[in-house]
Amino acid sequence: QVRLVESGGGLVQAGDSLRLSCTVSGRTGSYYAVGWFRQAPGKDRETVAAISGDGSGKFVQYTLKDRFTISRDNAKNTVSLQMKKLQPDDTALFYCAAIEATATGLITQSTRYDYWGQGTQVTVAS
């Protein structure tokens, strides 16, 4: 069983930065593609970013790529989402998810992911 725990969320002011972390534990001998997703109240879940198991492949939603960066440290089993210049529209519950994949496999569709964390709330005040 693979477990994911998100951390780093909180209440910030518009223009601030946050760094979210997703720690993956459990059966982690294989490569796992990891994605970050968010869901705001009354809105559908959307893909924020994704990264391949070896970190060579990265995806960030087009509207966010100037402000958000995804990275991973496999030695620490951690995937990070660096968010800059946060805006009130970024307020959402952020989730990370994982799926066993090839080293370079990059997966952006949330429906393909098998393992999900509980989420971390990001609230941006104007």
Foldseek 3Di string as FASTA:
>chain_A
DKAKAKDWADEEAQFAKIKMKIAIDDPPPFFKKKWKWWDDPPGDIATAKIAFRQRPDIDGPPVQVVFWDWGDDVVRRMIMIIGGRDDQVPWTWMKMFIDGDHRHDIDGDPVPTDYIYPTDTHGYHD
